[in-house]
Amino acid sequence: MKIIVIASQKGGAGKTTLVAHLAVTAEQEGVGRTVLIDTDPQGSLAAWWNSRKSDTPALASSTLAELPAKLEALSNAGFKLAVIDTPPAITNAIRDVVKLADLVLIPTRPSPHDLRAVGSTVDIVQEAGRPFAFAVTQAKPTAKLTLQAIAALSLHGAVAPAIIHDRVDYAGSMVDGRTVVEVDPKGRSAEEMRQLLAFVLERMNAKTKRKKKETV
C-alpha cells in the first residue's frame, strides 16, 4: 500500500480539500481501494466523509500512536492507497506521520507569507528523509505571483505542474461530501485533480523503482 501524507504547518493551504479530492480521484482512476486517515484534531476530513452518500473512499480512524499498526492492517486488508490529513502547527505530530510516507505533498498558496512559512515543513520532511513535492493551491488565474511562487519553490524541490486554482467549485463540492470530479467530471477543476494525482503517482513509482534498482 502506498501512503501519501498531505502536510503543511501553515493553515489555510487547502490540505483537507486536497486529501479528499486525491482519494476520490484515485478510486475513480482505478488506482484501487483507497482509504482516508484524519490525524487533524479539528476533524474536518471526517466531517466531510460523514456527509457523503458514497462509502468510498473508506475512512479509518487512528491515533498517532496506533497509526503504523493501522496502516499495516489496512494494507493487509487489500487497500492500495492511503491519503493522510495532518494537523497544522503541531511539529511533533507532523513529524511522526511524515516518517510513514511514500510521498509528502506540501500544499502552498502563492503568497509571500505562505512561501516564507513553507521552510519549516520542508525541514521536517527532510529530517525524516522522505521524498516530497509541492502543490500550488488557491492560485489566481493569470497571476504573475503564481509563476513567481513556482520558481521559488522549485529551488527547494519538485513542484506539481498541475496548479490548483482558486475556484468556488472546490469549496462548494465539499459542502455535501463530494468533490469536483463528482460534481463536474469534465470541468477544469476535475482535470486539475486528475493531473495532480498522475504527478503524485509518478513521483511515488519513480522513488520505488530507484530504490529497487539500488538494492540489486
N, C-alpha and C. Protein backbone atom coordinates (compact mmCIF):
# COMPACT_ATOMS: atom_id res chain seq x y z
N MET A 1 0.84 -1.19 0.00
CA MET A 1 0.00 0.00 0.00
C MET A 1 0.88 1.25 0.00
N LYS A 2 0.56 2.17 -0.88
CA LYS A 2 1.26 3.44 -0.94
C LYS A 2 0.63 4.44 0.04
N ILE A 3 1.46 5.31 0.59
CA ILE A 3 0.99 6.27 1.59
C ILE A 3 1.35 7.68 1.16
N ILE A 4 0.34 8.51 0.97
CA ILE A 4 0.55 9.94 0.68
C ILE A 4 0.18 10.72 1.92
N VAL A 5 1.07 11.59 2.36
CA VAL A 5 0.81 12.46 3.50
C VAL A 5 0.73 13.90 2.99
N ILE A 6 -0.35 14.58 3.31
CA ILE A 6 -0.50 16.00 2.96
C ILE A 6 -0.14 16.80 4.21
N ALA A 7 0.91 17.58 4.13
CA ALA A 7 1.42 18.27 5.32
C ALA A 7 1.75 19.72 5.02
N SER A 8 1.37 20.59 5.92
CA SER A 8 1.75 21.99 5.86
C SER A 8 1.54 22.60 7.23
N GLN A 9 2.58 23.26 7.73
CA GLN A 9 2.44 23.90 9.04
C GLN A 9 1.76 25.26 8.94
N LYS A 10 1.42 25.64 7.72
CA LYS A 10 0.69 26.88 7.50
C LYS A 10 -0.77 26.54 7.25
N GLY A 11 -1.65 27.00 8.11
CA GLY A 11 -3.06 26.72 7.95
C GLY A 11 -3.64 27.42 6.72
N GLY A 12 -4.73 26.90 6.22
CA GLY A 12 -5.43 27.55 5.12
C GLY A 12 -4.92 27.23 3.74
N ALA A 13 -4.00 26.27 3.64
CA ALA A 13 -3.42 25.94 2.34
C ALA A 13 -4.26 24.94 1.56
N GLY A 14 -5.32 24.43 2.18
CA GLY A 14 -6.21 23.51 1.49
C GLY A 14 -5.86 22.06 1.64
N LYS A 15 -5.26 21.67 2.77
CA LYS A 15 -4.85 20.28 2.98
C LYS A 15 -6.04 19.32 2.89
N THR A 16 -7.06 19.59 3.66
CA THR A 16 -8.20 18.67 3.71
C THR A 16 -8.87 18.55 2.36
N THR A 17 -8.99 19.64 1.64
CA THR A 17 -9.57 19.61 0.30
C THR A 17 -8.75 18.73 -0.62
N LEU A 18 -7.43 18.84 -0.55
CA LEU A 18 -6.55 18.02 -1.38
C LEU A 18 -6.67 16.54 -1.02
N VAL A 19 -6.69 16.24 0.27
CA VAL A 19 -6.79 14.85 0.72
C VAL A 19 -8.07 14.21 0.16
N ALA A 20 -9.19 14.87 0.35
CA ALA A 20 -10.47 14.34 -0.11
C ALA A 20 -10.49 14.16 -1.62
N HIS A 21 -10.03 15.18 -2.33
CA HIS A 21 -10.07 15.13 -3.79
C HIS A 21 -9.12 14.08 -4.36
N LEU A 22 -7.93 13.97 -3.82
CA LEU A 22 -6.98 12.98 -4.33
C LEU A 22 -7.51 11.56 -4.11
N ALA A 23 -8.10 11.32 -2.95
CA ALA A 23 -8.61 9.99 -2.64
C ALA A 23 -9.75 9.60 -3.57
N VAL A 24 -10.70 10.49 -3.76
CA VAL A 24 -11.84 10.20 -4.64
C VAL A 24 -11.35 10.01 -6.07
N THR A 25 -10.45 10.89 -6.51
CA THR A 25 -9.92 10.79 -7.87
C THR A 25 -9.17 9.49 -8.07
N ALA A 26 -8.42 9.06 -7.06
CA ALA A 26 -7.66 7.81 -7.16
C ALA A 26 -8.58 6.62 -7.40
N GLU A 27 -9.68 6.57 -6.67
CA GLU A 27 -10.62 5.46 -6.87
C GLU A 27 -11.27 5.54 -8.25
N GLN A 28 -11.60 6.74 -8.68
CA GLN A 28 -12.22 6.89 -10.00
C GLN A 28 -11.27 6.52 -11.12
N GLU A 29 -9.97 6.75 -10.91
CA GLU A 29 -8.97 6.48 -11.94
C GLU A 29 -8.44 5.06 -11.88
N GLY A 30 -9.00 4.23 -11.01
CA GLY A 30 -8.64 2.83 -10.98
C GLY A 30 -7.37 2.49 -10.22
N VAL A 31 -6.96 3.37 -9.31
CA VAL A 31 -5.76 3.09 -8.52
C VAL A 31 -5.98 1.88 -7.59
N GLY A 32 -7.21 1.71 -7.14
CA GLY A 32 -7.53 0.61 -6.24
C GLY A 32 -8.21 1.15 -4.99
N ARG A 33 -8.49 0.25 -4.05
CA ARG A 33 -9.17 0.65 -2.82
C ARG A 33 -8.33 1.69 -2.08
N THR A 34 -8.97 2.79 -1.75
CA THR A 34 -8.29 3.93 -1.14
C THR A 34 -8.91 4.24 0.21
N VAL A 35 -8.07 4.63 1.16
CA VAL A 35 -8.55 4.94 2.50
C VAL A 35 -8.06 6.32 2.92
N LEU A 36 -8.93 7.06 3.56
CA LEU A 36 -8.61 8.37 4.14
C LEU A 36 -8.30 8.20 5.62
N ILE A 37 -7.29 8.92 6.10
CA ILE A 37 -6.99 8.90 7.53
C ILE A 37 -6.86 10.35 8.00
N ASP A 38 -7.64 10.69 9.02
CA ASP A 38 -7.68 12.06 9.53
C ASP A 38 -6.92 12.12 10.86
N THR A 39 -5.74 12.73 10.86
CA THR A 39 -4.99 12.90 12.10
C THR A 39 -5.08 14.32 12.64
N ASP A 40 -5.92 15.14 12.00
CA ASP A 40 -6.12 16.52 12.45
C ASP A 40 -7.20 16.55 13.53
N PRO A 41 -6.89 17.05 14.74
CA PRO A 41 -7.89 17.09 15.82
C PRO A 41 -9.16 17.86 15.45
N GLN A 42 -9.07 18.76 14.49
CA GLN A 42 -10.26 19.51 14.07
C GLN A 42 -11.29 18.61 13.40
N GLY A 43 -10.85 17.48 12.84
CA GLY A 43 -11.78 16.51 12.28
C GLY A 43 -12.52 16.95 11.03
N SER A 44 -11.97 17.89 10.27
CA SER A 44 -12.67 18.39 9.08
C SER A 44 -12.86 17.31 8.03
N LEU A 45 -11.85 16.46 7.86
CA LEU A 45 -11.95 15.40 6.86
C LEU A 45 -13.04 14.39 7.25
N ALA A 46 -13.07 14.01 8.51
CA ALA A 46 -14.10 13.07 8.98
C ALA A 46 -15.49 13.67 8.82
N ALA A 47 -15.63 14.96 9.09
CA ALA A 47 -16.93 15.62 8.94
C ALA A 47 -17.39 15.61 7.48
N TRP A 48 -16.44 15.86 6.57
CA TRP A 48 -16.76 15.80 5.14
C TRP A 48 -17.19 14.39 4.75
N TRP A 49 -16.45 13.38 5.20
CA TRP A 49 -16.75 12.00 4.83
C TRP A 49 -18.12 11.57 5.37
N ASN A 50 -18.44 12.00 6.58
CA ASN A 50 -19.72 11.63 7.18
C ASN A 50 -20.92 12.22 6.44
N SER A 51 -20.69 13.26 5.66
CA SER A 51 -21.78 13.86 4.89
C SER A 51 -21.88 13.26 3.48
N ARG A 52 -21.00 12.31 3.14
CA ARG A 52 -21.04 11.67 1.83
C ARG A 52 -22.15 10.63 1.74
N LYS A 53 -22.71 10.49 0.54
CA LYS A 53 -23.64 9.40 0.28
C LYS A 53 -22.89 8.13 -0.06
N SER A 54 -21.76 8.28 -0.73
CA SER A 54 -20.93 7.12 -1.09
C SER A 54 -20.08 6.69 0.11
N ASP A 55 -19.85 5.39 0.20
CA ASP A 55 -19.00 4.90 1.29
C ASP A 55 -17.56 4.67 0.84
N THR A 56 -17.24 5.12 -0.38
CA THR A 56 -15.87 5.08 -0.86
C THR A 56 -15.41 6.48 -1.21
N PRO A 57 -14.16 6.81 -0.99
CA PRO A 57 -13.14 6.01 -0.32
C PRO A 57 -13.48 5.78 1.15
N ALA A 58 -12.85 4.78 1.73
CA ALA A 58 -13.10 4.47 3.14
C ALA A 58 -12.45 5.51 4.04
N LEU A 59 -12.93 5.58 5.27
CA LEU A 59 -12.32 6.44 6.29
C LEU A 59 -11.89 5.57 7.46
N ALA A 60 -10.65 5.73 7.89
CA ALA A 60 -10.15 4.99 9.05
C ALA A 60 -9.76 5.97 10.14
N SER A 61 -10.15 5.67 11.36
CA SER A 61 -9.75 6.50 12.50
C SER A 61 -8.53 5.88 13.16
N SER A 62 -7.64 6.74 13.66
CA SER A 62 -6.43 6.24 14.30
C SER A 62 -5.78 7.34 15.11
N THR A 63 -5.25 6.97 16.26
CA THR A 63 -4.39 7.89 16.99
C THR A 63 -3.00 7.84 16.36
N LEU A 64 -2.18 8.81 16.67
CA LEU A 64 -0.82 8.81 16.12
C LEU A 64 -0.05 7.58 16.58
N ALA A 65 -0.26 7.16 17.81
CA ALA A 65 0.46 6.01 18.34
C ALA A 65 0.04 4.73 17.62
N GLU A 66 -1.21 4.66 17.21
CA GLU A 66 -1.73 3.46 16.56
C GLU A 66 -1.51 3.46 15.05
N LEU A 67 -1.07 4.57 14.50
CA LEU A 67 -1.05 4.73 13.05
C LEU A 67 -0.21 3.68 12.31
N PRO A 68 1.02 3.38 12.72
CA PRO A 68 1.79 2.36 11.99
C PRO A 68 1.08 1.01 11.92
N ALA A 69 0.52 0.57 13.03
CA ALA A 69 -0.20 -0.71 13.05
C ALA A 69 -1.47 -0.63 12.22
N LYS A 70 -2.15 0.52 12.26
CA LYS A 70 -3.37 0.71 11.48
C LYS A 70 -3.07 0.62 9.98
N LEU A 71 -1.98 1.26 9.56
CA LEU A 71 -1.61 1.23 8.15
C LEU A 71 -1.27 -0.19 7.70
N GLU A 72 -0.58 -0.92 8.54
CA GLU A 72 -0.25 -2.31 8.20
C GLU A 72 -1.51 -3.15 8.06
N ALA A 73 -2.46 -2.94 8.96
CA ALA A 73 -3.73 -3.68 8.90
C ALA A 73 -4.51 -3.34 7.64
N LEU A 74 -4.52 -2.07 7.27
CA LEU A 74 -5.22 -1.65 6.06
C LEU A 74 -4.58 -2.23 4.81
N SER A 75 -3.26 -2.28 4.81
CA SER A 75 -2.55 -2.89 3.68
C SER A 75 -2.89 -4.37 3.57
N ASN A 76 -2.91 -5.05 4.70
CA ASN A 76 -3.25 -6.48 4.71
C ASN A 76 -4.69 -6.73 4.29
N ALA A 77 -5.54 -5.71 4.49
CA ALA A 77 -6.95 -5.82 4.12
C ALA A 77 -7.19 -5.54 2.62
N GLY A 78 -6.14 -5.20 1.91
CA GLY A 78 -6.26 -5.03 0.47
C GLY A 78 -6.32 -3.60 -0.04
N PHE A 79 -6.14 -2.63 0.83
CA PHE A 79 -6.12 -1.24 0.37
C PHE A 79 -4.82 -0.96 -0.39
N LYS A 80 -4.94 -0.18 -1.45
CA LYS A 80 -3.79 0.11 -2.30
C LYS A 80 -3.20 1.50 -2.05
N LEU A 81 -4.00 2.39 -1.48
CA LEU A 81 -3.54 3.78 -1.28
C LEU A 81 -4.15 4.34 -0.01
N ALA A 82 -3.32 5.00 0.80
CA ALA A 82 -3.80 5.74 1.97
C ALA A 82 -3.41 7.21 1.79
N VAL A 83 -4.36 8.10 2.04
CA VAL A 83 -4.11 9.54 1.96
C VAL A 83 -4.39 10.12 3.35
N ILE A 84 -3.36 10.74 3.92
CA ILE A 84 -3.43 11.16 5.33
C ILE A 84 -3.44 12.68 5.46
N ASP A 85 -4.42 13.17 6.19
CA ASP A 85 -4.51 14.60 6.52
C ASP A 85 -3.79 14.82 7.85
N THR A 86 -3.05 15.91 7.95
CA THR A 86 -2.27 16.19 9.15
C THR A 86 -2.69 17.51 9.79
N PRO A 87 -2.42 17.66 11.08
CA PRO A 87 -2.76 18.92 11.76
C PRO A 87 -1.75 20.01 11.41
N PRO A 88 -2.18 21.27 11.45
CA PRO A 88 -1.24 22.38 11.24
C PRO A 88 -0.55 22.76 12.54
N ALA A 89 0.68 23.19 12.41
CA ALA A 89 1.41 23.83 13.51
C ALA A 89 1.63 22.95 14.74
N ILE A 90 1.60 21.63 14.55
CA ILE A 90 1.96 20.73 15.65
C ILE A 90 3.14 19.89 15.17
N THR A 91 4.33 20.37 15.40
CA THR A 91 5.53 19.83 14.77
C THR A 91 5.72 18.35 15.03
N ASN A 92 5.64 17.92 16.27
CA ASN A 92 5.90 16.52 16.60
C ASN A 92 4.89 15.59 15.94
N ALA A 93 3.63 16.01 15.89
CA ALA A 93 2.60 15.18 15.27
C ALA A 93 2.87 15.02 13.78
N ILE A 94 3.21 16.12 13.11
CA ILE A 94 3.51 16.05 11.68
C ILE A 94 4.73 15.17 11.44
N ARG A 95 5.74 15.31 12.27
CA ARG A 95 6.97 14.52 12.10
C ARG A 95 6.68 13.03 12.18
N ASP A 96 5.87 12.62 13.13
CA ASP A 96 5.56 11.19 13.30
C ASP A 96 4.83 10.63 12.09
N VAL A 97 3.94 11.41 11.50
CA VAL A 97 3.18 10.95 10.35
C VAL A 97 4.06 10.94 9.10
N VAL A 98 4.87 11.97 8.94
CA VAL A 98 5.72 12.11 7.76
C VAL A 98 6.67 10.91 7.62
N LYS A 99 7.13 10.36 8.73
CA LYS A 99 8.05 9.23 8.69
C LYS A 99 7.46 8.02 7.96
N LEU A 100 6.14 7.95 7.88
CA LEU A 100 5.47 6.79 7.30
C LEU A 100 5.17 6.96 5.81
N ALA A 101 5.48 8.12 5.25
CA ALA A 101 5.02 8.47 3.91
C ALA A 101 5.89 7.89 2.80
N ASP A 102 5.24 7.49 1.71
CA ASP A 102 5.95 7.22 0.46
C ASP A 102 6.19 8.52 -0.28
N LEU A 103 5.29 9.48 -0.07
CA LEU A 103 5.47 10.81 -0.63
C LEU A 103 4.73 11.81 0.25
N VAL A 104 5.39 12.93 0.54
CA VAL A 104 4.75 14.02 1.27
C VAL A 104 4.43 15.13 0.27
N LEU A 105 3.17 15.50 0.19
CA LEU A 105 2.75 16.59 -0.68
C LEU A 105 2.50 17.82 0.18
N ILE A 106 3.18 18.91 -0.14
CA ILE A 106 3.12 20.13 0.65
C ILE A 106 2.34 21.18 -0.13
N PRO A 107 1.08 21.44 0.25
CA PRO A 107 0.30 22.48 -0.45
C PRO A 107 0.73 23.87 0.00
N THR A 108 0.83 24.77 -0.96
CA THR A 108 1.29 26.13 -0.66
C THR A 108 0.54 27.13 -1.51
N ARG A 109 -0.04 28.12 -0.88
CA ARG A 109 -0.67 29.19 -1.63
C ARG A 109 0.42 30.12 -2.18
N PRO A 110 0.19 30.72 -3.35
CA PRO A 110 1.20 31.61 -3.94
C PRO A 110 1.17 33.01 -3.33
N SER A 111 1.55 33.08 -2.06
CA SER A 111 1.64 34.37 -1.38
C SER A 111 2.98 34.44 -0.66
N PRO A 112 3.53 35.63 -0.51
CA PRO A 112 4.83 35.75 0.17
C PRO A 112 4.82 35.15 1.56
N HIS A 113 3.73 35.34 2.30
CA HIS A 113 3.65 34.82 3.67
C HIS A 113 3.69 33.29 3.67
N ASP A 114 2.96 32.66 2.75
CA ASP A 114 2.94 31.21 2.67
C ASP A 114 4.30 30.66 2.24
N LEU A 115 4.94 31.33 1.30
CA LEU A 115 6.24 30.87 0.82
C LEU A 115 7.29 30.96 1.93
N ARG A 116 7.20 32.00 2.74
CA ARG A 116 8.15 32.12 3.87
C ARG A 116 7.93 31.02 4.89
N ALA A 117 6.67 30.60 5.05
CA ALA A 117 6.33 29.62 6.09
C ALA A 117 6.62 28.18 5.67
N VAL A 118 6.84 27.94 4.39
CA VAL A 118 6.95 26.56 3.92
C VAL A 118 8.24 25.88 4.39
N GLY A 119 9.25 26.68 4.74
CA GLY A 119 10.54 26.12 5.12
C GLY A 119 10.48 25.18 6.30
N SER A 120 9.64 25.47 7.28
CA SER A 120 9.57 24.62 8.48
C SER A 120 9.03 23.24 8.13
N THR A 121 8.06 23.17 7.21
CA THR A 121 7.54 21.87 6.78
C THR A 121 8.59 21.09 6.01
N VAL A 122 9.30 21.77 5.13
CA VAL A 122 10.37 21.12 4.36
C VAL A 122 11.44 20.57 5.30
N ASP A 123 11.79 21.32 6.32
CA ASP A 123 12.80 20.86 7.28
C ASP A 123 12.38 19.54 7.94
N ILE A 124 11.11 19.46 8.34
CA ILE A 124 10.60 18.25 8.99
C ILE A 124 10.68 17.05 8.03
N VAL A 125 10.28 17.27 6.79
CA VAL A 125 10.29 16.18 5.81
C VAL A 125 11.71 15.73 5.50
N GLN A 126 12.62 16.69 5.37
CA GLN A 126 14.00 16.33 5.07
C GLN A 126 14.67 15.63 6.25
N GLU A 127 14.34 16.04 7.45
CA GLU A 127 14.87 15.35 8.64
C GLU A 127 14.42 13.90 8.67
N ALA A 128 13.21 13.65 8.21
CA ALA A 128 12.68 12.29 8.18
C ALA A 128 13.18 11.50 6.99
N GLY A 129 13.83 12.18 6.05
CA GLY A 129 14.37 11.52 4.88
C GLY A 129 13.32 11.02 3.91
N ARG A 130 12.19 11.69 3.85
CA ARG A 130 11.10 11.25 2.98
C ARG A 130 11.03 12.10 1.71
N PRO A 131 10.67 11.51 0.58
CA PRO A 131 10.50 12.29 -0.65
C PRO A 131 9.31 13.23 -0.54
N PHE A 132 9.40 14.38 -1.18
CA PHE A 132 8.30 15.35 -1.09
C PHE A 132 8.19 16.13 -2.39
N ALA A 133 7.06 16.81 -2.53
CA ALA A 133 6.82 17.70 -3.66
C ALA A 133 5.86 18.78 -3.20
N PHE A 134 5.87 19.89 -3.91
CA PHE A 134 4.96 21.00 -3.61
C PHE A 134 3.76 20.98 -4.55
N ALA A 135 2.63 21.43 -4.05
CA ALA A 135 1.45 21.66 -4.89
C ALA A 135 0.98 23.09 -4.64
N VAL A 136 0.94 23.88 -5.69
CA VAL A 136 0.47 25.27 -5.57
C VAL A 136 -1.06 25.25 -5.57
N THR A 137 -1.65 25.83 -4.53
CA THR A 137 -3.10 25.80 -4.36
C THR A 137 -3.67 27.22 -4.30
N GLN A 138 -4.96 27.32 -4.58
CA GLN A 138 -5.70 28.58 -4.47
C GLN A 138 -5.05 29.69 -5.29
N ALA A 139 -4.57 29.31 -6.47
CA ALA A 139 -3.91 30.26 -7.36
C ALA A 139 -4.93 31.06 -8.14
N LYS A 140 -4.62 32.32 -8.37
CA LYS A 140 -5.47 33.18 -9.19
C LYS A 140 -5.06 33.01 -10.66
N PRO A 141 -6.03 32.83 -11.55
CA PRO A 141 -5.69 32.68 -12.98
C PRO A 141 -4.91 33.89 -13.50
N THR A 142 -3.90 33.61 -14.26
CA THR A 142 -3.04 34.61 -14.93
C THR A 142 -2.25 35.49 -13.96
N ALA A 143 -2.22 35.16 -12.68
CA ALA A 143 -1.50 35.99 -11.72
C ALA A 143 0.01 35.74 -11.83
N LYS A 144 0.77 36.83 -11.93
CA LYS A 144 2.22 36.72 -12.03
C LYS A 144 2.81 36.08 -10.77
N LEU A 145 2.16 36.31 -9.64
CA LEU A 145 2.66 35.78 -8.37
C LEU A 145 2.69 34.24 -8.38
N THR A 146 1.79 33.62 -9.12
CA THR A 146 1.78 32.16 -9.19
C THR A 146 3.06 31.65 -9.84
N LEU A 147 3.47 32.26 -10.94
CA LEU A 147 4.71 31.87 -11.61
C LEU A 147 5.92 32.13 -10.72
N GLN A 148 5.89 33.24 -9.99
CA GLN A 148 6.98 33.54 -9.06
C GLN A 148 7.06 32.51 -7.95
N ALA A 149 5.89 32.07 -7.47
CA ALA A 149 5.86 31.06 -6.41
C ALA A 149 6.42 29.74 -6.90
N ILE A 150 6.06 29.33 -8.11
CA ILE A 150 6.57 28.09 -8.68
C ILE A 150 8.09 28.16 -8.81
N ALA A 151 8.60 29.28 -9.27
CA ALA A 151 10.04 29.44 -9.41
C ALA A 151 10.75 29.36 -8.06
N ALA A 152 10.16 30.00 -7.04
CA ALA A 152 10.77 29.99 -5.72
C ALA A 152 10.75 28.59 -5.11
N LEU A 153 9.63 27.89 -5.24
CA LEU A 153 9.51 26.55 -4.67
C LEU A 153 10.42 25.56 -5.37
N SER A 154 10.60 25.72 -6.69
CA SER A 154 11.41 24.77 -7.45
C SER A 154 12.88 24.79 -7.03
N LEU A 155 13.29 25.82 -6.32
CA LEU A 155 14.66 25.86 -5.80
C LEU A 155 14.84 24.87 -4.66
N HIS A 156 13.75 24.44 -4.06
CA HIS A 156 13.81 23.56 -2.89
C HIS A 156 13.31 22.14 -3.15
N GLY A 157 12.59 21.95 -4.26
CA GLY A 157 12.08 20.61 -4.55
C GLY A 157 11.17 20.63 -5.76
N ALA A 158 10.64 19.46 -6.09
CA ALA A 158 9.76 19.34 -7.25
C ALA A 158 8.43 20.04 -6.99
N VAL A 159 7.90 20.67 -8.03
CA VAL A 159 6.60 21.35 -7.94
C VAL A 159 5.66 20.68 -8.93
N ALA A 160 4.48 20.29 -8.46
CA ALA A 160 3.49 19.66 -9.34
C ALA A 160 3.12 20.61 -10.47
N PRO A 161 3.16 20.14 -11.72
CA PRO A 161 2.78 21.02 -12.83
C PRO A 161 1.29 21.35 -12.83
N ALA A 162 0.50 20.56 -12.14
CA ALA A 162 -0.93 20.83 -12.03
C ALA A 162 -1.16 21.87 -10.94
N ILE A 163 -1.53 23.07 -11.34
CA ILE A 163 -1.80 24.15 -10.39
C ILE A 163 -3.28 24.10 -10.00
N ILE A 164 -3.54 24.14 -8.69
CA ILE A 164 -4.92 24.12 -8.20
C ILE A 164 -5.39 25.56 -8.06
N HIS A 165 -6.32 25.94 -8.91
CA HIS A 165 -6.76 27.33 -8.95
C HIS A 165 -7.86 27.63 -7.92
N ASP A 166 -8.00 28.89 -7.63
CA ASP A 166 -8.97 29.36 -6.63
C ASP A 166 -10.34 29.47 -7.30
N ARG A 167 -11.11 28.37 -7.20
CA ARG A 167 -12.44 28.35 -7.78
C ARG A 167 -13.45 27.95 -6.71
N VAL A 168 -14.66 28.49 -6.83
CA VAL A 168 -15.68 28.23 -5.82
C VAL A 168 -16.15 26.78 -5.84
N ASP A 169 -15.95 26.07 -6.98
CA ASP A 169 -16.46 24.71 -7.04
C ASP A 169 -15.73 23.76 -6.09
N TYR A 170 -14.49 24.07 -5.73
CA TYR A 170 -13.78 23.22 -4.77
C TYR A 170 -14.50 23.25 -3.41
N ALA A 171 -14.72 24.45 -2.90
CA ALA A 171 -15.40 24.58 -1.61
C ALA A 171 -16.86 24.14 -1.71
N GLY A 172 -17.51 24.48 -2.82
CA GLY A 172 -18.91 24.14 -2.98
C GLY A 172 -19.15 22.64 -2.99
N SER A 173 -18.26 21.90 -3.63
CA SER A 173 -18.44 20.45 -3.70
C SER A 173 -18.25 19.79 -2.34
N MET A 174 -17.40 20.39 -1.50
CA MET A 174 -17.10 19.80 -0.19
C MET A 174 -18.26 19.94 0.80
N VAL A 175 -19.18 20.86 0.53
CA VAL A 175 -20.26 21.13 1.47
C VAL A 175 -21.11 19.90 1.73
N ASP A 176 -21.40 19.14 0.67
CA ASP A 176 -22.27 17.98 0.84
C ASP A 176 -21.51 16.66 0.66
N GLY A 177 -20.22 16.68 0.95
CA GLY A 177 -19.46 15.44 0.95
C GLY A 177 -19.04 14.95 -0.41
N ARG A 178 -18.92 15.84 -1.38
CA ARG A 178 -18.49 15.44 -2.71
C ARG A 178 -17.18 16.14 -3.08
N THR A 179 -16.77 15.93 -4.31
CA THR A 179 -15.57 16.58 -4.84
C THR A 179 -15.89 17.09 -6.24
N VAL A 180 -14.99 17.88 -6.79
CA VAL A 180 -15.24 18.44 -8.13
C VAL A 180 -15.28 17.36 -9.20
N VAL A 181 -14.57 16.24 -8.99
CA VAL A 181 -14.59 15.18 -10.01
C VAL A 181 -15.92 14.44 -10.02
N GLU A 182 -16.70 14.60 -8.96
CA GLU A 182 -18.03 14.02 -8.91
C GLU A 182 -19.10 15.01 -9.36
N VAL A 183 -18.93 16.27 -9.00
CA VAL A 183 -19.91 17.30 -9.34
C VAL A 183 -19.84 17.66 -10.82
N ASP A 184 -18.62 17.84 -11.34
CA ASP A 184 -18.43 18.24 -12.73
C ASP A 184 -17.20 17.53 -13.28
N PRO A 185 -17.34 16.25 -13.68
CA PRO A 185 -16.19 15.45 -14.10
C PRO A 185 -15.43 16.02 -15.29
N LYS A 186 -16.11 16.82 -16.12
CA LYS A 186 -15.46 17.36 -17.32
C LYS A 186 -14.96 18.79 -17.11
N GLY A 187 -15.09 19.31 -15.91
CA GLY A 187 -14.69 20.68 -15.64
C GLY A 187 -13.20 20.86 -15.48
N ARG A 188 -12.76 22.11 -15.45
CA ARG A 188 -11.33 22.41 -15.34
C ARG A 188 -10.76 21.96 -14.00
N SER A 189 -11.55 22.11 -12.94
CA SER A 189 -11.06 21.72 -11.61
C SER A 189 -10.84 20.21 -11.54
N ALA A 190 -11.77 19.44 -12.12
CA ALA A 190 -11.62 17.99 -12.13
C ALA A 190 -10.37 17.57 -12.89
N GLU A 191 -10.11 18.25 -13.99
CA GLU A 191 -8.90 17.92 -14.77
C GLU A 191 -7.63 18.26 -13.98
N GLU A 192 -7.67 19.35 -13.23
CA GLU A 192 -6.52 19.69 -12.37
C GLU A 192 -6.23 18.56 -11.39
N MET A 193 -7.29 18.02 -10.79
CA MET A 193 -7.10 16.95 -9.81
C MET A 193 -6.57 15.68 -10.45
N ARG A 194 -7.05 15.35 -11.63
CA ARG A 194 -6.54 14.17 -12.32
C ARG A 194 -5.06 14.33 -12.66
N GLN A 195 -4.69 15.54 -13.07
CA GLN A 195 -3.28 15.81 -13.39
C GLN A 195 -2.42 15.76 -12.14
N LEU A 196 -2.94 16.29 -11.03
CA LEU A 196 -2.17 16.26 -9.78
C LEU A 196 -1.99 14.82 -9.31
N LEU A 197 -3.04 14.02 -9.39
CA LEU A 197 -2.92 12.62 -8.99
C LEU A 197 -1.90 11.90 -9.86
N ALA A 198 -1.92 12.13 -11.16
CA ALA A 198 -0.97 11.48 -12.06
C ALA A 198 0.47 11.84 -11.68
N PHE A 199 0.69 13.11 -11.33
CA PHE A 199 2.02 13.55 -10.91
C PHE A 199 2.45 12.84 -9.62
N VAL A 200 1.54 12.78 -8.65
CA VAL A 200 1.85 12.14 -7.36
C VAL A 200 2.19 10.66 -7.55
N LEU A 201 1.38 9.96 -8.34
CA LEU A 201 1.63 8.54 -8.57
C LEU A 201 2.95 8.32 -9.30
N GLU A 202 3.24 9.19 -10.25
CA GLU A 202 4.51 9.08 -10.99
C GLU A 202 5.70 9.28 -10.06
N ARG A 203 5.61 10.26 -9.16
CA ARG A 203 6.70 10.51 -8.21
C ARG A 203 6.91 9.31 -7.30
N MET A 204 5.83 8.72 -6.81
CA MET A 204 5.95 7.57 -5.92
C MET A 204 6.52 6.36 -6.65
N ASN A 205 6.08 6.13 -7.87
CA ASN A 205 6.58 4.99 -8.63
C ASN A 205 8.04 5.16 -9.00
N ALA A 206 8.43 6.40 -9.29
CA ALA A 206 9.83 6.66 -9.61
C ALA A 206 10.72 6.38 -8.42
N LYS A 207 10.28 6.77 -7.21
CA LYS A 207 11.05 6.50 -6.00
C LYS A 207 11.17 5.01 -5.74
N THR A 208 10.08 4.27 -6.00
CA THR A 208 10.09 2.83 -5.77
C THR A 208 11.05 2.14 -6.72
N LYS A 209 11.01 2.52 -8.00
CA LYS A 209 11.89 1.90 -8.99
C LYS A 209 13.34 2.18 -8.66
N ARG A 210 13.64 3.41 -8.22
CA ARG A 210 15.01 3.78 -7.91
C ARG A 210 15.51 2.97 -6.71
N LYS A 211 14.62 2.80 -5.71
CA LYS A 211 15.00 2.04 -4.52
C LYS A 211 15.31 0.59 -4.88
N LYS A 212 14.47 -0.01 -5.74
CA LYS A 212 14.69 -1.39 -6.15
C LYS A 212 15.99 -1.52 -6.93
N LYS A 213 16.29 -0.56 -7.78
CA LYS A 213 17.49 -0.60 -8.58
C LYS A 213 18.74 -0.53 -7.70
N GLU A 214 18.66 0.30 -6.67
CA GLU A 214 19.82 0.47 -5.79
C GLU A 214 20.10 -0.78 -4.97
N THR A 215 19.09 -1.60 -4.72
CA THR A 215 19.30 -2.76 -3.85
C THR A 215 19.66 -4.03 -4.62
N VAL A 216 19.69 -3.93 -5.95
CA VAL A 216 20.05 -5.11 -6.76
C VAL A 216 21.54 -5.40 -6.65
